[in-house]
Amino acid sequence: MVLVTLVGERWSRVGEEFVFEGPNAGPHTECRPCKLKAVCWNLEEGRHYRILGLRSVHHSCALHEGGVRVAEVERIAFPLNLPKRLGLAGGTITFEEPVCGRPSCAEYRTCHPLGARTDLKYRVQSVEGSIDCPAGFALIRARVE
């Protein structure tokens, strides 16, 4: 499903992928008086998105240098290494961050992806195969949304 939101002008490119980390709604935020904040904040926290198209509409923004543009985005699946017991295409899982302590591992970013949260449910879109885990965990690579 295509959604319309606002993205920072400096990184607004078709094909760009990002994780929506939530509204900038702290007590000293620049966003409080903005009349467009509902459009900026209409995505789901912790979800991955890709910019499909950009509109020529540009707005100034107190948070984004260079302002923001209207963008059409879609929610996308991302790769995630899962325990084999959770690797069922079509299933719903809760992310369990592995405790391996090996940030230099080639699989570390897929075991600990940016934006993945333990309080969200993810749907397993596809299972891509087993992972040879140096820490000895029985893992599979999946794409989740």
N, C-alpha and C. Protein backbone atom coordinates (compact mmCIF):
# COMPACT_ATOMS: atom_id res chain seq x y z
N MET A 1 0.84 -1.17 0.00
CA MET A 1 0.00 0.00 0.00
C MET A 1 0.90 1.25 0.00
N VAL A 2 0.59 2.17 -0.84
CA VAL A 2 1.36 3.41 -0.94
C VAL A 2 0.82 4.41 0.08
N LEU A 3 1.74 5.01 0.82
CA LEU A 3 1.41 6.02 1.82
C LEU A 3 2.06 7.33 1.43
N VAL A 4 1.48 8.44 1.85
CA VAL A 4 2.06 9.76 1.60
C VAL A 4 2.56 10.30 2.93
N THR A 5 3.81 10.77 2.92
CA THR A 5 4.43 11.32 4.12
C THR A 5 5.38 12.43 3.72
N LEU A 6 6.09 12.99 4.67
CA LEU A 6 7.11 13.99 4.40
C LEU A 6 8.47 13.41 4.76
N VAL A 7 9.46 13.67 3.90
CA VAL A 7 10.82 13.19 4.16
C VAL A 7 11.79 14.34 4.00
N GLY A 8 12.90 14.28 4.70
CA GLY A 8 13.91 15.32 4.62
C GLY A 8 14.42 15.51 3.20
N GLU A 9 14.50 16.74 2.77
CA GLU A 9 14.94 17.08 1.41
C GLU A 9 16.31 16.49 1.08
N ARG A 10 17.22 16.50 2.03
CA ARG A 10 18.60 16.07 1.77
C ARG A 10 18.72 14.59 1.44
N TRP A 11 17.81 13.77 1.88
CA TRP A 11 17.88 12.34 1.56
C TRP A 11 16.65 11.83 0.82
N SER A 12 15.91 12.75 0.21
CA SER A 12 14.70 12.36 -0.52
C SER A 12 15.08 11.94 -1.95
N ARG A 13 15.27 10.63 -2.11
CA ARG A 13 15.58 10.04 -3.42
C ARG A 13 14.71 8.80 -3.62
N VAL A 14 14.20 8.64 -4.82
CA VAL A 14 13.42 7.45 -5.13
C VAL A 14 14.32 6.23 -4.92
N GLY A 15 13.80 5.23 -4.24
CA GLY A 15 14.55 4.02 -3.95
C GLY A 15 15.21 4.04 -2.58
N GLU A 16 15.33 5.20 -1.96
CA GLU A 16 15.93 5.30 -0.63
C GLU A 16 15.09 4.52 0.37
N GLU A 17 15.75 3.75 1.24
CA GLU A 17 15.06 2.99 2.27
C GLU A 17 15.39 3.56 3.64
N PHE A 18 14.42 3.50 4.54
CA PHE A 18 14.64 4.04 5.88
C PHE A 18 13.75 3.31 6.88
N VAL A 19 14.10 3.47 8.15
CA VAL A 19 13.30 2.95 9.25
C VAL A 19 12.66 4.16 9.94
N PHE A 20 11.35 4.12 10.10
CA PHE A 20 10.68 5.20 10.81
C PHE A 20 10.84 4.95 12.30
N GLU A 21 11.54 5.86 12.96
CA GLU A 21 11.85 5.68 14.38
C GLU A 21 10.85 6.37 15.30
N GLY A 22 9.83 6.95 14.74
CA GLY A 22 8.79 7.56 15.55
C GLY A 22 8.83 9.07 15.49
N PRO A 23 7.81 9.68 16.02
CA PRO A 23 7.73 11.14 16.00
C PRO A 23 8.76 11.78 16.91
N ASN A 24 9.17 12.97 16.54
CA ASN A 24 10.08 13.76 17.36
C ASN A 24 9.20 14.55 18.32
N ALA A 25 8.71 13.86 19.34
CA ALA A 25 7.69 14.47 20.20
C ALA A 25 8.17 14.74 21.62
N GLY A 26 9.44 14.90 21.81
CA GLY A 26 9.97 15.17 23.15
C GLY A 26 9.49 16.50 23.69
N PRO A 27 9.82 16.82 24.93
CA PRO A 27 9.33 18.04 25.57
C PRO A 27 9.89 19.32 24.94
N HIS A 28 11.03 19.25 24.25
CA HIS A 28 11.63 20.45 23.66
C HIS A 28 11.71 20.32 22.15
N THR A 29 10.75 19.71 21.55
CA THR A 29 10.79 19.43 20.12
C THR A 29 10.43 20.65 19.28
N GLU A 30 11.05 20.70 18.13
CA GLU A 30 10.74 21.75 17.15
C GLU A 30 9.43 21.46 16.43
N CYS A 31 8.94 20.23 16.56
CA CYS A 31 7.78 19.80 15.79
C CYS A 31 6.43 20.20 16.39
N ARG A 32 6.40 20.50 17.67
CA ARG A 32 5.12 20.78 18.32
C ARG A 32 4.25 21.81 17.60
N PRO A 33 4.79 22.96 17.18
CA PRO A 33 3.92 23.96 16.55
C PRO A 33 3.63 23.68 15.06
N CYS A 34 4.25 22.70 14.48
CA CYS A 34 4.11 22.46 13.04
C CYS A 34 2.72 21.94 12.69
N LYS A 35 2.12 22.53 11.66
CA LYS A 35 0.79 22.12 11.21
C LYS A 35 0.82 20.85 10.36
N LEU A 36 2.01 20.44 9.93
CA LEU A 36 2.14 19.26 9.07
C LEU A 36 2.63 18.01 9.80
N LYS A 37 2.78 18.09 11.12
CA LYS A 37 3.38 16.97 11.86
C LYS A 37 2.59 15.67 11.70
N ALA A 38 1.28 15.74 11.53
CA ALA A 38 0.49 14.52 11.36
C ALA A 38 0.88 13.77 10.09
N VAL A 39 1.30 14.50 9.07
CA VAL A 39 1.74 13.86 7.82
C VAL A 39 3.11 13.23 8.01
N CYS A 40 3.99 13.88 8.77
CA CYS A 40 5.31 13.31 9.07
C CYS A 40 5.20 12.06 9.93
N TRP A 41 4.23 12.05 10.82
CA TRP A 41 4.14 11.01 11.83
C TRP A 41 3.14 9.91 11.47
N ASN A 42 2.73 9.81 10.20
CA ASN A 42 1.68 8.85 9.85
C ASN A 42 2.21 7.44 9.53
N LEU A 43 3.51 7.20 9.74
CA LEU A 43 4.08 5.87 9.51
C LEU A 43 4.14 5.10 10.82
N GLU A 44 4.36 3.79 10.73
CA GLU A 44 4.45 2.96 11.92
C GLU A 44 5.88 2.90 12.45
N GLU A 45 6.04 3.15 13.74
CA GLU A 45 7.36 3.10 14.36
C GLU A 45 7.99 1.72 14.20
N GLY A 46 9.29 1.71 13.91
CA GLY A 46 10.03 0.47 13.80
C GLY A 46 9.86 -0.27 12.49
N ARG A 47 9.12 0.29 11.56
CA ARG A 47 8.90 -0.36 10.26
C ARG A 47 9.84 0.21 9.21
N HIS A 48 10.12 -0.60 8.21
CA HIS A 48 11.02 -0.21 7.12
C HIS A 48 10.19 0.26 5.93
N TYR A 49 10.68 1.33 5.28
CA TYR A 49 9.97 1.93 4.15
C TYR A 49 10.92 2.22 3.00
N ARG A 50 10.36 2.29 1.78
CA ARG A 50 11.11 2.68 0.59
C ARG A 50 10.34 3.81 -0.09
N ILE A 51 11.09 4.81 -0.55
CA ILE A 51 10.49 5.93 -1.27
C ILE A 51 10.22 5.50 -2.71
N LEU A 52 8.95 5.57 -3.11
CA LEU A 52 8.54 5.18 -4.47
C LEU A 52 8.49 6.36 -5.41
N GLY A 53 8.13 7.51 -4.88
CA GLY A 53 8.01 8.70 -5.71
C GLY A 53 8.07 9.95 -4.88
N LEU A 54 8.45 11.03 -5.53
CA LEU A 54 8.54 12.33 -4.85
C LEU A 54 7.66 13.32 -5.59
N ARG A 55 6.98 14.13 -4.86
CA ARG A 55 6.17 15.19 -5.46
C ARG A 55 6.95 16.49 -5.38
N SER A 56 6.57 17.44 -6.16
CA SER A 56 7.31 18.70 -6.21
C SER A 56 7.02 19.60 -5.02
N VAL A 57 6.10 19.21 -4.17
CA VAL A 57 5.72 20.02 -3.02
C VAL A 57 6.85 20.01 -1.99
N HIS A 58 7.28 21.20 -1.58
CA HIS A 58 8.37 21.37 -0.63
C HIS A 58 7.88 22.26 0.52
N HIS A 59 8.29 21.90 1.74
CA HIS A 59 7.91 22.69 2.91
C HIS A 59 9.15 22.98 3.74
N SER A 60 9.16 24.12 4.40
CA SER A 60 10.25 24.39 5.34
C SER A 60 10.02 23.53 6.58
N CYS A 61 11.10 23.29 7.31
CA CYS A 61 11.01 22.41 8.48
C CYS A 61 12.07 22.83 9.49
N ALA A 62 11.66 22.94 10.73
CA ALA A 62 12.59 23.34 11.80
C ALA A 62 13.56 22.22 12.16
N LEU A 63 13.26 21.00 11.77
CA LEU A 63 14.09 19.85 12.13
C LEU A 63 15.03 19.43 11.00
N HIS A 64 14.52 19.42 9.77
CA HIS A 64 15.31 18.97 8.62
C HIS A 64 15.94 20.15 7.89
N GLU A 65 17.27 20.16 7.84
CA GLU A 65 17.97 21.19 7.08
C GLU A 65 17.57 21.07 5.62
N GLY A 66 17.19 22.14 5.00
CA GLY A 66 16.75 22.11 3.61
C GLY A 66 15.27 21.84 3.45
N GLY A 67 14.57 21.58 4.55
CA GLY A 67 13.13 21.36 4.49
C GLY A 67 12.76 19.92 4.20
N VAL A 68 11.48 19.72 3.84
CA VAL A 68 10.94 18.39 3.56
C VAL A 68 10.18 18.39 2.25
N ARG A 69 10.06 17.20 1.67
CA ARG A 69 9.28 17.01 0.45
C ARG A 69 8.20 15.98 0.69
N VAL A 70 7.15 16.09 -0.07
CA VAL A 70 6.08 15.09 -0.03
C VAL A 70 6.58 13.86 -0.79
N ALA A 71 6.45 12.70 -0.14
CA ALA A 71 6.94 11.46 -0.74
C ALA A 71 5.87 10.38 -0.66
N GLU A 72 5.87 9.53 -1.67
CA GLU A 72 5.05 8.33 -1.66
C GLU A 72 5.96 7.19 -1.23
N VAL A 73 5.57 6.47 -0.19
CA VAL A 73 6.41 5.40 0.35
C VAL A 73 5.60 4.12 0.47
N GLU A 74 6.32 3.00 0.57
CA GLU A 74 5.67 1.73 0.84
C GLU A 74 6.44 1.02 1.95
N ARG A 75 5.72 0.27 2.75
CA ARG A 75 6.35 -0.53 3.79
C ARG A 75 7.00 -1.74 3.11
N ILE A 76 8.22 -2.06 3.53
CA ILE A 76 8.95 -3.15 2.88
C ILE A 76 9.43 -4.19 3.89
N ALA A 77 9.69 -5.38 3.38
CA ALA A 77 10.29 -6.43 4.19
C ALA A 77 11.79 -6.20 4.25
N PHE A 78 12.42 -6.72 5.30
CA PHE A 78 13.87 -6.59 5.46
C PHE A 78 14.43 -7.93 5.90
N PRO A 79 15.72 -8.19 5.62
CA PRO A 79 16.31 -9.47 6.01
C PRO A 79 16.56 -9.52 7.51
N LEU A 80 16.31 -10.70 8.09
CA LEU A 80 16.48 -10.90 9.51
C LEU A 80 16.85 -12.35 9.75
N ASN A 81 17.91 -12.58 10.50
CA ASN A 81 18.27 -13.94 10.90
C ASN A 81 17.43 -14.31 12.11
N LEU A 82 16.76 -15.47 12.02
CA LEU A 82 15.85 -15.93 13.06
C LEU A 82 16.26 -17.30 13.57
N PRO A 83 15.88 -17.63 14.80
CA PRO A 83 16.04 -19.01 15.24
C PRO A 83 15.23 -19.92 14.30
N LYS A 84 15.76 -21.08 13.96
CA LYS A 84 15.09 -21.98 13.02
C LYS A 84 13.65 -22.28 13.42
N ARG A 85 13.36 -22.35 14.70
CA ARG A 85 12.01 -22.68 15.17
C ARG A 85 10.98 -21.62 14.77
N LEU A 86 11.43 -20.40 14.43
CA LEU A 86 10.51 -19.32 14.05
C LEU A 86 10.39 -19.14 12.54
N GLY A 87 11.19 -19.88 11.79
CA GLY A 87 11.27 -19.67 10.34
C GLY A 87 10.20 -20.35 9.53
N LEU A 88 8.98 -19.89 9.66
CA LEU A 88 7.86 -20.44 8.92
C LEU A 88 7.24 -19.33 8.06
N ALA A 89 7.35 -19.44 6.74
CA ALA A 89 6.79 -18.41 5.86
C ALA A 89 5.31 -18.23 6.15
N GLY A 90 4.90 -16.98 6.29
CA GLY A 90 3.51 -16.65 6.59
C GLY A 90 3.24 -16.53 8.08
N GLY A 91 4.18 -16.97 8.90
CA GLY A 91 4.00 -16.90 10.34
C GLY A 91 4.26 -15.50 10.88
N THR A 92 3.81 -15.28 12.09
CA THR A 92 4.03 -14.02 12.78
C THR A 92 4.99 -14.28 13.93
N ILE A 93 6.00 -13.43 14.05
CA ILE A 93 7.01 -13.61 15.08
C ILE A 93 7.20 -12.32 15.88
N THR A 94 7.78 -12.47 17.04
CA THR A 94 8.26 -11.34 17.83
C THR A 94 9.77 -11.41 17.76
N PHE A 95 10.42 -10.32 17.43
CA PHE A 95 11.87 -10.28 17.30
C PHE A 95 12.53 -10.59 18.63
N GLU A 96 13.46 -11.53 18.60
CA GLU A 96 14.26 -11.88 19.76
C GLU A 96 15.71 -11.55 19.44
N GLU A 97 16.23 -10.51 20.03
CA GLU A 97 17.60 -10.12 19.73
C GLU A 97 18.57 -11.13 20.34
N PRO A 98 19.41 -11.77 19.50
CA PRO A 98 20.34 -12.76 20.03
C PRO A 98 21.44 -12.10 20.87
N VAL A 99 21.90 -12.81 21.87
CA VAL A 99 22.97 -12.31 22.73
C VAL A 99 24.23 -13.10 22.37
N CYS A 100 24.92 -12.62 21.34
CA CYS A 100 26.10 -13.36 20.90
C CYS A 100 27.38 -12.60 21.21
N GLY A 101 27.32 -11.29 21.33
CA GLY A 101 28.51 -10.51 21.67
C GLY A 101 29.59 -10.53 20.62
N ARG A 102 29.22 -10.68 19.36
CA ARG A 102 30.20 -10.73 18.27
C ARG A 102 29.89 -9.66 17.20
N PRO A 103 30.08 -8.38 17.51
CA PRO A 103 29.76 -7.33 16.53
C PRO A 103 30.61 -7.37 15.27
N SER A 104 31.72 -8.10 15.28
CA SER A 104 32.56 -8.18 14.08
C SER A 104 32.09 -9.31 13.14
N CYS A 105 31.11 -10.08 13.54
CA CYS A 105 30.58 -11.18 12.72
C CYS A 105 29.95 -10.62 11.44
N ALA A 106 30.13 -11.32 10.33
CA ALA A 106 29.55 -10.90 9.05
C ALA A 106 28.02 -10.90 9.09
N GLU A 107 27.42 -11.68 9.98
CA GLU A 107 25.96 -11.76 10.07
C GLU A 107 25.37 -10.83 11.13
N TYR A 108 26.21 -10.08 11.83
CA TYR A 108 25.74 -9.27 12.95
C TYR A 108 24.62 -8.31 12.55
N ARG A 109 24.73 -7.59 11.45
CA ARG A 109 23.72 -6.62 11.02
C ARG A 109 22.40 -7.29 10.66
N THR A 110 22.45 -8.55 10.22
CA THR A 110 21.21 -9.24 9.89
C THR A 110 20.58 -9.87 11.13
N CYS A 111 21.38 -10.16 12.14
CA CYS A 111 20.86 -10.64 13.43
C CYS A 111 20.36 -9.48 14.29
N HIS A 112 20.95 -8.31 14.11
CA HIS A 112 20.62 -7.11 14.89
C HIS A 112 20.31 -5.96 13.92
N PRO A 113 19.26 -6.08 13.10
CA PRO A 113 19.00 -5.04 12.09
C PRO A 113 18.55 -3.72 12.70
N LEU A 114 18.90 -2.64 12.03
CA LEU A 114 18.47 -1.32 12.47
C LEU A 114 16.95 -1.26 12.52
N GLY A 115 16.44 -0.75 13.59
CA GLY A 115 15.00 -0.53 13.70
C GLY A 115 14.20 -1.72 14.20
N ALA A 116 14.77 -2.93 14.21
CA ALA A 116 14.01 -4.09 14.69
C ALA A 116 13.72 -3.92 16.18
N ARG A 117 12.49 -4.22 16.57
CA ARG A 117 12.08 -3.99 17.95
C ARG A 117 11.44 -5.24 18.53
N THR A 118 11.67 -5.46 19.79
CA THR A 118 11.12 -6.64 20.47
C THR A 118 9.65 -6.47 20.84
N ASP A 119 9.11 -5.26 20.71
CA ASP A 119 7.71 -5.03 21.06
C ASP A 119 6.78 -5.03 19.85
N LEU A 120 7.30 -5.36 18.66
CA LEU A 120 6.48 -5.41 17.45
C LEU A 120 6.33 -6.84 16.96
N LYS A 121 5.25 -7.09 16.27
CA LYS A 121 5.05 -8.38 15.60
C LYS A 121 5.47 -8.20 14.15
N TYR A 122 6.18 -9.20 13.62
CA TYR A 122 6.62 -9.18 12.23
C TYR A 122 6.06 -10.41 11.52
N ARG A 123 5.72 -10.24 10.28
CA ARG A 123 5.24 -11.36 9.46
C ARG A 123 6.40 -11.87 8.62
N VAL A 124 6.63 -13.17 8.63
CA VAL A 124 7.70 -13.79 7.85
C VAL A 124 7.20 -13.91 6.41
N GLN A 125 7.80 -13.12 5.51
CA GLN A 125 7.41 -13.13 4.10
C GLN A 125 7.99 -14.34 3.37
N SER A 126 9.27 -14.62 3.63
CA SER A 126 9.93 -15.75 2.97
C SER A 126 11.10 -16.21 3.81
N VAL A 127 11.49 -17.47 3.59
CA VAL A 127 12.65 -18.05 4.26
C VAL A 127 13.68 -18.32 3.18
N GLU A 128 14.90 -17.81 3.37
CA GLU A 128 15.93 -17.87 2.33
C GLU A 128 16.99 -18.93 2.56
N GLY A 129 17.03 -19.56 3.71
CA GLY A 129 18.01 -20.61 3.94
C GLY A 129 18.71 -20.51 5.28
N SER A 130 19.52 -21.54 5.56
CA SER A 130 20.23 -21.62 6.84
C SER A 130 21.43 -20.69 6.87
N ILE A 131 21.81 -20.29 8.07
CA ILE A 131 22.96 -19.43 8.31
C ILE A 131 23.99 -20.23 9.08
N ASP A 132 25.25 -20.11 8.68
CA ASP A 132 26.35 -20.73 9.41
C ASP A 132 26.78 -19.73 10.48
N CYS A 133 26.26 -19.91 11.69
CA CYS A 133 26.50 -18.96 12.78
C CYS A 133 27.77 -19.34 13.54
N PRO A 134 28.75 -18.43 13.59
CA PRO A 134 29.98 -18.71 14.33
C PRO A 134 29.77 -18.89 15.84
N ALA A 135 28.66 -18.36 16.38
CA ALA A 135 28.38 -18.50 17.81
C ALA A 135 27.63 -19.80 18.10
N GLY A 136 27.27 -20.55 17.05
CA GLY A 136 26.62 -21.84 17.23
C GLY A 136 25.11 -21.81 17.30
N PHE A 137 24.48 -20.66 17.05
CA PHE A 137 23.02 -20.60 17.05
C PHE A 137 22.48 -21.27 15.78
N ALA A 138 21.34 -21.95 15.88
CA ALA A 138 20.67 -22.55 14.73
C ALA A 138 19.79 -21.46 14.12
N LEU A 139 20.25 -20.83 13.02
CA LEU A 139 19.56 -19.69 12.43
C LEU A 139 19.20 -19.92 10.98
N ILE A 140 18.15 -19.22 10.56
CA ILE A 140 17.78 -19.14 9.14
C ILE A 140 17.65 -17.66 8.79
N ARG A 141 17.86 -17.35 7.51
CA ARG A 141 17.65 -15.99 7.04
C ARG A 141 16.24 -15.92 6.47
N ALA A 142 15.50 -14.90 6.90
CA ALA A 142 14.14 -14.68 6.42
C ALA A 142 13.99 -13.22 6.02
N ARG A 143 12.92 -12.94 5.30
CA ARG A 143 12.53 -11.56 5.03
C ARG A 143 11.24 -11.34 5.80
N VAL A 144 11.23 -10.30 6.63
CA VAL A 144 10.07 -10.05 7.49
C VAL A 144 9.55 -8.63 7.24
N GLU A 145 8.28 -8.47 7.52
CA GLU A 145 7.63 -7.15 7.38
C GLU A 145 6.80 -6.89 8.62
